[in-house]
């Protein structure tokens, strides 16, 4: 609305100067339209520079994510950007398998980081602060200005289980190539059997402590044990590359 008022006042002021012959009427209308134009411009400028009529709103969303490796391997992938680590881009899936992975935003408003937890599944917690209009009046006044929802800051916290291994995309590609060698395939067959044994032992130990575990709790124990074993394998493979 303020945009319409501003342009309307400018056109009316021009028309008053050009087409009104009566001197007094011309001066009055030109002054009124000029003041209206100046006021509308000031109010618009205050909205752009000082966010007049707006306030900050912070929202937090949480969603389950998966490793971008498209496998059960507990990998937390990222792409290093700069040297501080604040601008690193983290790569993840929102489905167990997908052709093109998702990634965190890379801009001056966004900070992304990893937090290690004791949960069995990773989650992405996004906290955003945006400018919103104070009420409907300001929303109508500044309609079409493009200021509503302007991002102030965003924090992406990728909460991964402690069993996950953080590694770069380059390291993940190297591991993938290494896994295709005949020796690696033979070692994987042995590792699968060792993994089954490790998971079974973990479940038995958990049942020994609490024989009344539910099916869901047993599944969680099994999942964590499998992730822990696979994480150890990945760390060993990374160590062998050095």
C-alpha atoms as a PDB file:
ATOM      1  CA  UNK A   1       0.000   0.000   0.000  1.00  0.00           C
ATOM      2  CA  UNK A   2       2.785   2.441   0.876  1.00  0.00           C
ATOM      3  CA  UNK A   3       4.269   1.911  -2.581  1.00  0.00           C
ATOM      4  CA  UNK A   4       0.958   2.859  -4.197  1.00  0.00           C
ATOM      5  CA  UNK A   5       0.641   5.910  -1.934  1.00  0.00           C
ATOM      6  CA  UNK A   6       4.184   7.018  -2.755  1.00  0.00           C
ATOM      7  CA  UNK A   7       3.785   6.744  -6.524  1.00  0.00           C
ATOM      8  CA  UNK A   8       0.261   8.161  -6.404  1.00  0.00           C
ATOM      9  CA  UNK A   9       1.470  11.201  -4.458  1.00  0.00           C
ATOM     10  CA  UNK A  10       4.316  11.739  -6.940  1.00  0.00           C
ATOM     11  CA  UNK A  11       1.939  11.608  -9.913  1.00  0.00           C
ATOM     12  CA  UNK A  12      -0.587  13.879  -8.179  1.00  0.00           C
ATOM     13  CA  UNK A  13       2.141  16.402  -7.314  1.00  0.00           C
ATOM     14  CA  UNK A  14       3.338  16.449 -10.929  1.00  0.00           C
ATOM     15  CA  UNK A  15      -0.233  16.847 -12.185  1.00  0.00           C
ATOM     16  CA  UNK A  16      -0.877  19.702  -9.739  1.00  0.00           C
ATOM     17  CA  UNK A  17       2.173  21.597 -10.958  1.00  0.00           C
ATOM     18  CA  UNK A  18       1.459  21.036 -14.643  1.00  0.00           C
ATOM     19  CA  UNK A  19      -2.315  21.297 -14.985  1.00  0.00           C
ATOM     20  CA  UNK A  20      -3.791  23.436 -12.172  1.00  0.00           C
ATOM     21  CA  UNK A  21      -3.816  27.059 -13.282  1.00  0.00           C
ATOM     22  CA  UNK A  22      -5.212  28.652 -10.105  1.00  0.00           C
ATOM     23  CA  UNK A  23      -2.100  29.664  -8.164  1.00  0.00           C
ATOM     24  CA  UNK A  24      -3.422  29.157  -4.615  1.00  0.00           C
ATOM     25  CA  UNK A  25      -4.989  25.782  -5.392  1.00  0.00           C
ATOM     26  CA  UNK A  26      -1.819  24.689  -7.182  1.00  0.00           C
ATOM     27  CA  UNK A  27       0.372  25.610  -4.201  1.00  0.00           C
ATOM     28  CA  UNK A  28      -1.924  23.889  -1.684  1.00  0.00           C
ATOM     29  CA  UNK A  29      -2.286  20.650  -3.679  1.00  0.00           C
ATOM     30  CA  UNK A  30       1.400  20.555  -4.572  1.00  0.00           C
ATOM     31  CA  UNK A  31       2.365  21.038  -0.920  1.00  0.00           C
ATOM     32  CA  UNK A  32      -0.055  18.357   0.298  1.00  0.00           C
ATOM     33  CA  UNK A  33       1.064  15.860  -2.332  1.00  0.00           C
ATOM     34  CA  UNK A  34       4.714  16.710  -1.677  1.00  0.00           C
ATOM     35  CA  UNK A  35       4.332  16.150   2.056  1.00  0.00           C
ATOM     36  CA  UNK A  36       2.457  12.900   1.399  1.00  0.00           C
ATOM     37  CA  UNK A  37       5.207  11.735  -0.961  1.00  0.00           C
ATOM     38  CA  UNK A  38       7.945  12.698   1.516  1.00  0.00           C
ATOM     39  CA  UNK A  39       6.119  10.980   4.382  1.00  0.00           C
ATOM     40  CA  UNK A  40       5.553   7.795   2.366  1.00  0.00           C
ATOM     41  CA  UNK A  41       9.206   7.770   1.307  1.00  0.00           C
ATOM     42  CA  UNK A  42      10.330   8.246   4.911  1.00  0.00           C
ATOM     43  CA  UNK A  43       8.084   5.443   6.183  1.00  0.00           C
ATOM     44  CA  UNK A  44       9.315   3.135   3.406  1.00  0.00           C
ATOM     45  CA  UNK A  45      12.949   4.003   4.143  1.00  0.00           C
ATOM     46  CA  UNK A  46      12.465   3.341   7.864  1.00  0.00           C
ATOM     47  CA  UNK A  47      11.036  -0.075   7.048  1.00  0.00           C
ATOM     48  CA  UNK A  48      14.010  -1.005   4.868  1.00  0.00           C
ATOM     49  CA  UNK A  49      16.719   0.441   7.111  1.00  0.00           C
ATOM     50  CA  UNK A  50      15.312   0.106  10.655  1.00  0.00           C
ATOM     51  CA  UNK A  51      12.588  -2.537  10.113  1.00  0.00           C
ATOM     52  CA  UNK A  52       9.938  -0.075  11.309  1.00  0.00           C
ATOM     53  CA  UNK A  53       6.657  -1.867  12.077  1.00  0.00           C
ATOM     54  CA  UNK A  54       8.359  -5.251  12.414  1.00  0.00           C
ATOM     55  CA  UNK A  55       9.686  -7.574  15.103  1.00  0.00           C
ATOM     56  CA  UNK A  56      11.894 -10.653  15.138  1.00  0.00           C
ATOM     57  CA  UNK A  57      10.319 -14.108  15.375  1.00  0.00           C
ATOM     58  CA  UNK A  58      12.397 -17.207  16.148  1.00  0.00           C
ATOM     59  CA  UNK A  59      11.195 -20.674  15.139  1.00  0.00           C
ATOM     60  CA  UNK A  60      12.759 -24.097  15.637  1.00  0.00           C
ATOM     61  CA  UNK A  61      12.083 -27.152  13.487  1.00  0.00           C
ATOM     62  CA  UNK A  62      13.319 -30.701  13.971  1.00  0.00           C
ATOM     63  CA  UNK A  63      13.369 -33.537  11.438  1.00  0.00           C
ATOM     64  CA  UNK A  64      14.934 -36.969  11.088  1.00  0.00           C
ATOM     65  CA  UNK A  65      17.794 -37.235   8.610  1.00  0.00           C
ATOM     66  CA  UNK A  66      19.895 -40.070   7.200  1.00  0.00           C
ATOM     67  CA  UNK A  67      23.441 -40.550   6.011  1.00  0.00           C
ATOM     68  CA  UNK A  68      24.026 -39.172   2.514  1.00  0.00           C
ATOM     69  CA  UNK A  69      26.041 -42.308   1.731  1.00  0.00           C
ATOM     70  CA  UNK A  70      22.778 -44.094   0.774  1.00  0.00           C
ATOM     71  CA  UNK A  71      23.832 -46.984   2.986  1.00  0.00           C
ATOM     72  CA  UNK A  72      23.528 -48.146   6.565  1.00  0.00           C
ATOM     73  CA  UNK A  73      27.050 -46.913   7.280  1.00  0.00           C
ATOM     74  CA  UNK A  74      27.013 -44.305  10.084  1.00  0.00           C
ATOM     75  CA  UNK A  75      28.649 -41.469   8.153  1.00  0.00           C
ATOM     76  CA  UNK A  76      28.271 -37.749   8.834  1.00  0.00           C
ATOM     77  CA  UNK A  77      29.410 -36.183   5.574  1.00  0.00           C
ATOM     78  CA  UNK A  78      30.498 -32.593   5.083  1.00  0.00           C
ATOM     79  CA  UNK A  79      32.309 -30.374   2.606  1.00  0.00           C
ATOM     80  CA  UNK A  80      34.963 -28.123   4.164  1.00  0.00           C
ATOM     81  CA  UNK A  81      34.600 -24.425   3.312  1.00  0.00           C
ATOM     82  CA  UNK A  82      37.289 -22.056   4.548  1.00  0.00           C
ATOM     83  CA  UNK A  83      39.479 -22.832   7.535  1.00  0.00           C
ATOM     84  CA  UNK A  84      37.387 -21.846  10.561  1.00  0.00           C
ATOM     85  CA  UNK A  85      34.801 -24.616  10.162  1.00  0.00           C
ATOM     86  CA  UNK A  86      31.922 -22.139  10.589  1.00  0.00           C
ATOM     87  CA  UNK A  87      31.116 -22.228   6.888  1.00  0.00           C
ATOM     88  CA  UNK A  88      31.361 -26.005   6.361  1.00  0.00           C
ATOM     89  CA  UNK A  89      28.475 -27.488   4.382  1.00  0.00           C
ATOM     90  CA  UNK A  90      26.934 -30.657   5.843  1.00  0.00           C
ATOM     91  CA  UNK A  91      25.389 -33.200   3.500  1.00  0.00           C
ATOM     92  CA  UNK A  92      22.506 -35.479   4.457  1.00  0.00           C
ATOM     93  CA  UNK A  93      19.419 -37.307   3.211  1.00  0.00           C
ATOM     94  CA  UNK A  94      15.826 -36.752   4.250  1.00  0.00           C
ATOM     95  CA  UNK A  95      15.005 -40.279   3.046  1.00  0.00           C
ATOM     96  CA  UNK A  96      16.917 -43.507   3.580  1.00  0.00           C
ATOM     97  CA  UNK A  97      17.971 -43.422  -0.071  1.00  0.00           C
ATOM     98  CA  UNK A  98      17.774 -40.532  -2.525  1.00  0.00           C
ATOM     99  CA  UNK A  99      19.485 -39.613  -5.775  1.00  0.00           C
ATOM    100  CA  UNK A 100      20.441 -36.056  -4.837  1.00  0.00           C
ATOM    101  CA  UNK A 101      21.319 -35.397  -1.185  1.00  0.00           C
ATOM    102  CA  UNK A 102      20.316 -32.306   0.769  1.00  0.00           C
ATOM    103  CA  UNK A 103      22.827 -29.913   2.276  1.00  0.00           C
ATOM    104  CA  UNK A 104      22.956 -27.040   4.724  1.00  0.00           C
ATOM    105  CA  UNK A 105      22.930 -23.487   3.407  1.00  0.00           C
ATOM    106  CA  UNK A 106      26.166 -21.626   2.763  1.00  0.00           C
ATOM    107  CA  UNK A 107      25.628 -17.892   3.295  1.00  0.00           C
ATOM    108  CA  UNK A 108      26.442 -15.104   5.736  1.00  0.00           C
ATOM    109  CA  UNK A 109      23.240 -15.667   7.723  1.00  0.00           C
ATOM    110  CA  UNK A 110      23.739 -19.386   8.391  1.00  0.00           C
ATOM    111  CA  UNK A 111      25.901 -21.315  10.835  1.00  0.00           C
ATOM    112  CA  UNK A 112      25.960 -25.115  10.787  1.00  0.00           C
ATOM    113  CA  UNK A 113      27.478 -27.477  13.331  1.00  0.00           C
ATOM    114  CA  UNK A 114      27.418 -31.076  14.561  1.00  0.00           C
ATOM    115  CA  UNK A 115      26.284 -32.135  18.013  1.00  0.00           C
ATOM    116  CA  UNK A 116      26.911 -35.683  19.232  1.00  0.00           C
ATOM    117  CA  UNK A 117      24.056 -37.365  21.121  1.00  0.00           C
ATOM    118  CA  UNK A 118      23.111 -40.727  22.605  1.00  0.00           C
ATOM    119  CA  UNK A 119      20.094 -41.186  20.322  1.00  0.00           C
ATOM    120  CA  UNK A 120      20.004 -43.962  17.747  1.00  0.00           C
ATOM    121  CA  UNK A 121      18.898 -41.779  14.821  1.00  0.00           C
ATOM    122  CA  UNK A 122      20.301 -38.448  13.582  1.00  0.00           C
ATOM    123  CA  UNK A 123      18.173 -35.304  13.486  1.00  0.00           C
ATOM    124  CA  UNK A 124      18.495 -31.838  11.994  1.00  0.00           C
ATOM    125  CA  UNK A 125      17.454 -28.980  14.284  1.00  0.00           C
ATOM    126  CA  UNK A 126      17.062 -25.663  12.464  1.00  0.00           C
ATOM    127  CA  UNK A 127      16.572 -22.427  14.391  1.00  0.00           C
ATOM    128  CA  UNK A 128      15.656 -19.392  12.290  1.00  0.00           C
ATOM    129  CA  UNK A 129      15.080 -15.754  13.237  1.00  0.00           C
ATOM    130  CA  UNK A 130      13.088 -13.700  10.720  1.00  0.00           C
ATOM    131  CA  UNK A 131      11.494 -10.265  10.577  1.00  0.00           C
ATOM    132  CA  UNK A 132       7.667 -10.286  10.740  1.00  0.00           C
ATOM    133  CA  UNK A 133       5.166  -7.418  10.730  1.00  0.00           C
ATOM    134  CA  UNK A 134       3.736  -6.344  14.073  1.00  0.00           C
ATOM    135  CA  UNK A 135       0.107  -6.606  12.949  1.00  0.00           C
ATOM    136  CA  UNK A 136      -2.203  -6.679   9.930  1.00  0.00           C
ATOM    137  CA  UNK A 137      -2.026  -2.908   9.504  1.00  0.00           C
ATOM    138  CA  UNK A 138       1.728  -2.926   8.900  1.00  0.00           C
ATOM    139  CA  UNK A 139       1.421  -6.061   6.768  1.00  0.00           C
ATOM    140  CA  UNK A 140      -1.087  -4.245   4.535  1.00  0.00           C
ATOM    141  CA  UNK A 141       0.882  -0.979   4.606  1.00  0.00           C
ATOM    142  CA  UNK A 142       4.110  -2.634   3.421  1.00  0.00           C
ATOM    143  CA  UNK A 143       2.547  -5.170   1.083  1.00  0.00           C
ATOM    144  CA  UNK A 144       4.758  -6.020  -1.917  1.00  0.00           C
ATOM    145  CA  UNK A 145       7.824  -4.558  -0.183  1.00  0.00           C
ATOM    146  CA  UNK A 146       9.407  -8.019   0.116  1.00  0.00           C
ATOM    147  CA  UNK A 147      10.503  -7.407   3.707  1.00  0.00           C
ATOM    148  CA  UNK A 148       8.203  -9.878   5.467  1.00  0.00           C
ATOM    149  CA  UNK A 149      10.098 -13.031   6.391  1.00  0.00           C
ATOM    150  CA  UNK A 150      13.543 -11.511   5.855  1.00  0.00           C
ATOM    151  CA  UNK A 151      16.110 -13.869   7.375  1.00  0.00           C
ATOM    152  CA  UNK A 152      18.155 -12.482  10.269  1.00  0.00           C
ATOM    153  CA  UNK A 153      20.093 -15.611  11.190  1.00  0.00           C
ATOM    154  CA  UNK A 154      19.867 -19.394  10.926  1.00  0.00           C
ATOM    155  CA  UNK A 155      21.547 -22.137  12.937  1.00  0.00           C
ATOM    156  CA  UNK A 156      21.596 -25.728  11.686  1.00  0.00           C
ATOM    157  CA  UNK A 157      22.490 -28.276  14.356  1.00  0.00           C
ATOM    158  CA  UNK A 158      22.953 -31.786  13.019  1.00  0.00           C
ATOM    159  CA  UNK A 159      22.494 -34.086  15.995  1.00  0.00           C
ATOM    160  CA  UNK A 160      24.295 -37.332  15.200  1.00  0.00           C
ATOM    161  CA  UNK A 161      24.636 -40.426  17.392  1.00  0.00           C
ATOM    162  CA  UNK A 162      28.100 -40.804  18.882  1.00  0.00           C
ATOM    163  CA  UNK A 163      28.520 -43.951  16.800  1.00  0.00           C
ATOM    164  CA  UNK A 164      28.651 -41.882  13.587  1.00  0.00           C
ATOM    165  CA  UNK A 165      31.933 -40.922  11.949  1.00  0.00           C
ATOM    166  CA  UNK A 166      32.462 -37.393  10.628  1.00  0.00           C
ATOM    167  CA  UNK A 167      34.345 -37.332   7.344  1.00  0.00           C
ATOM    168  CA  UNK A 168      34.644 -35.232   4.219  1.00  0.00           C
ATOM    169  CA  UNK A 169      33.105 -36.069   0.858  1.00  0.00           C
ATOM    170  CA  UNK A 170      36.609 -36.728  -0.466  1.00  0.00           C
ATOM    171  CA  UNK A 171      37.305 -39.228   2.312  1.00  0.00           C
ATOM    172  CA  UNK A 172      33.978 -40.950   1.633  1.00  0.00           C
ATOM    173  CA  UNK A 173      34.852 -41.312  -2.063  1.00  0.00           C
ATOM    174  CA  UNK A 174      38.221 -42.789  -1.129  1.00  0.00           C
ATOM    175  CA  UNK A 175      36.547 -45.297   1.192  1.00  0.00           C
ATOM    176  CA  UNK A 176      34.116 -46.253  -1.571  1.00  0.00           C
ATOM    177  CA  UNK A 177      36.986 -46.954  -3.972  1.00  0.00           C
ATOM    178  CA  UNK A 178      38.874 -48.865  -1.308  1.00  0.00           C
ATOM    179  CA  UNK A 179      35.820 -51.029  -0.615  1.00  0.00           C
ATOM    180  CA  UNK A 180      35.747 -52.196  -4.265  1.00  0.00           C
ATOM    181  CA  UNK A 181      39.117 -53.965  -4.077  1.00  0.00           C
ATOM    182  CA  UNK A 182      39.122 -57.802  -3.828  1.00  0.00           C
ATOM    183  CA  UNK A 183      40.900 -57.717  -0.475  1.00  0.00           C
ATOM    184  CA  UNK A 184      38.355 -55.263   0.899  1.00  0.00           C
ATOM    185  CA  UNK A 185      35.417 -57.375  -0.289  1.00  0.00           C
ATOM    186  CA  UNK A 186      36.885 -60.422   1.434  1.00  0.00           C
ATOM    187  CA  UNK A 187      37.393 -58.402   4.607  1.00  0.00           C
ATOM    188  CA  UNK A 188      33.801 -57.147   4.388  1.00  0.00           C
ATOM    189  CA  UNK A 189      32.476 -60.704   4.367  1.00  0.00           C
ATOM    190  CA  UNK A 190      34.386 -61.429   7.569  1.00  0.00           C
ATOM    191  CA  UNK A 191      33.284 -58.106   9.048  1.00  0.00           C
ATOM    192  CA  UNK A 192      29.608 -58.842   8.375  1.00  0.00           C
ATOM    193  CA  UNK A 193      29.832 -62.011  10.410  1.00  0.00           C
ATOM    194  CA  UNK A 194      31.711 -60.211  13.176  1.00  0.00           C
ATOM    195  CA  UNK A 195      29.065 -57.499  13.114  1.00  0.00           C
ATOM    196  CA  UNK A 196      26.255 -60.013  13.583  1.00  0.00           C
ATOM    197  CA  UNK A 197      28.120 -61.497  16.525  1.00  0.00           C
ATOM    198  CA  UNK A 198      28.697 -58.055  18.058  1.00  0.00           C
ATOM    199  CA  UNK A 199      25.020 -57.126  17.710  1.00  0.00           C
ATOM    200  CA  UNK A 200      23.871 -60.428  19.207  1.00  0.00           C
ATOM    201  CA  UNK A 201      26.255 -59.980  22.135  1.00  0.00           C
ATOM    202  CA  UNK A 202      24.989 -56.442  22.746  1.00  0.00           C
ATOM    203  CA  UNK A 203      21.365 -57.605  22.765  1.00  0.00           C
ATOM    204  CA  UNK A 204      22.165 -60.471  25.135  1.00  0.00           C
ATOM    205  CA  UNK A 205      23.999 -58.093  27.478  1.00  0.00           C
ATOM    206  CA  UNK A 206      21.056 -55.682  27.453  1.00  0.00           C
ATOM    207  CA  UNK A 207      18.582 -58.491  28.181  1.00  0.00           C
ATOM    208  CA  UNK A 208      20.794 -59.715  31.008  1.00  0.00           C
ATOM    209  CA  UNK A 209      20.482 -56.282  32.630  1.00  0.00           C
ATOM    210  CA  UNK A 210      16.759 -55.977  31.925  1.00  0.00           C
ATOM    211  CA  UNK A 211      14.826 -59.024  30.780  1.00  0.00           C
ATOM    212  CA  UNK A 212      11.659 -56.950  30.254  1.00  0.00           C
ATOM    213  CA  UNK A 213      12.925 -54.907  27.326  1.00  0.00           C
ATOM    214  CA  UNK A 214      10.283 -54.153  24.714  1.00  0.00           C
ATOM    215  CA  UNK A 215      10.703 -55.038  21.048  1.00  0.00           C
ATOM    216  CA  UNK A 216      11.375 -51.373  20.281  1.00  0.00           C
ATOM    217  CA  UNK A 217      14.069 -51.150  22.954  1.00  0.00           C
ATOM    218  CA  UNK A 218      15.726 -54.319  21.661  1.00  0.00           C
ATOM    219  CA  UNK A 219      15.683 -52.845  18.156  1.00  0.00           C
ATOM    220  CA  UNK A 220      17.346 -49.668  19.444  1.00  0.00           C
ATOM    221  CA  UNK A 221      20.056 -51.674  21.208  1.00  0.00           C
ATOM    222  CA  UNK A 222      20.632 -53.680  18.042  1.00  0.00           C
ATOM    223  CA  UNK A 223      20.771 -50.546  15.888  1.00  0.00           C
ATOM    224  CA  UNK A 224      23.266 -48.818  18.174  1.00  0.00           C
ATOM    225  CA  UNK A 225      25.460 -51.906  18.346  1.00  0.00           C
ATOM    226  CA  UNK A 226      25.476 -52.198  14.564  1.00  0.00           C
ATOM    227  CA  UNK A 227      26.313 -48.504  14.169  1.00  0.00           C
ATOM    228  CA  UNK A 228      29.076 -48.785  16.752  1.00  0.00           C
ATOM    229  CA  UNK A 229      30.641 -51.739  14.953  1.00  0.00           C
ATOM    230  CA  UNK A 230      30.382 -50.110  11.522  1.00  0.00           C
ATOM    231  CA  UNK A 231      31.824 -46.887  12.904  1.00  0.00           C
ATOM    232  CA  UNK A 232      34.829 -48.800  14.190  1.00  0.00           C
ATOM    233  CA  UNK A 233      35.307 -50.333  10.746  1.00  0.00           C
ATOM    234  CA  UNK A 234      35.198 -46.915   9.073  1.00  0.00           C
ATOM    235  CA  UNK A 235      37.722 -45.486  11.539  1.00  0.00           C
ATOM    236  CA  UNK A 236      40.022 -48.429  10.907  1.00  0.00           C
ATOM    237  CA  UNK A 237      39.739 -47.958   7.134  1.00  0.00           C
ATOM    238  CA  UNK A 238      40.536 -44.255   7.513  1.00  0.00           C
ATOM    239  CA  UNK A 239      43.527 -45.146   9.652  1.00  0.00           C
ATOM    240  CA  UNK A 240      44.777 -47.570   7.001  1.00  0.00           C
ATOM    241  CA  UNK A 241      44.684 -44.778   4.396  1.00  0.00           C
ATOM    242  CA  UNK A 242      47.095 -42.624   6.380  1.00  0.00           C
END
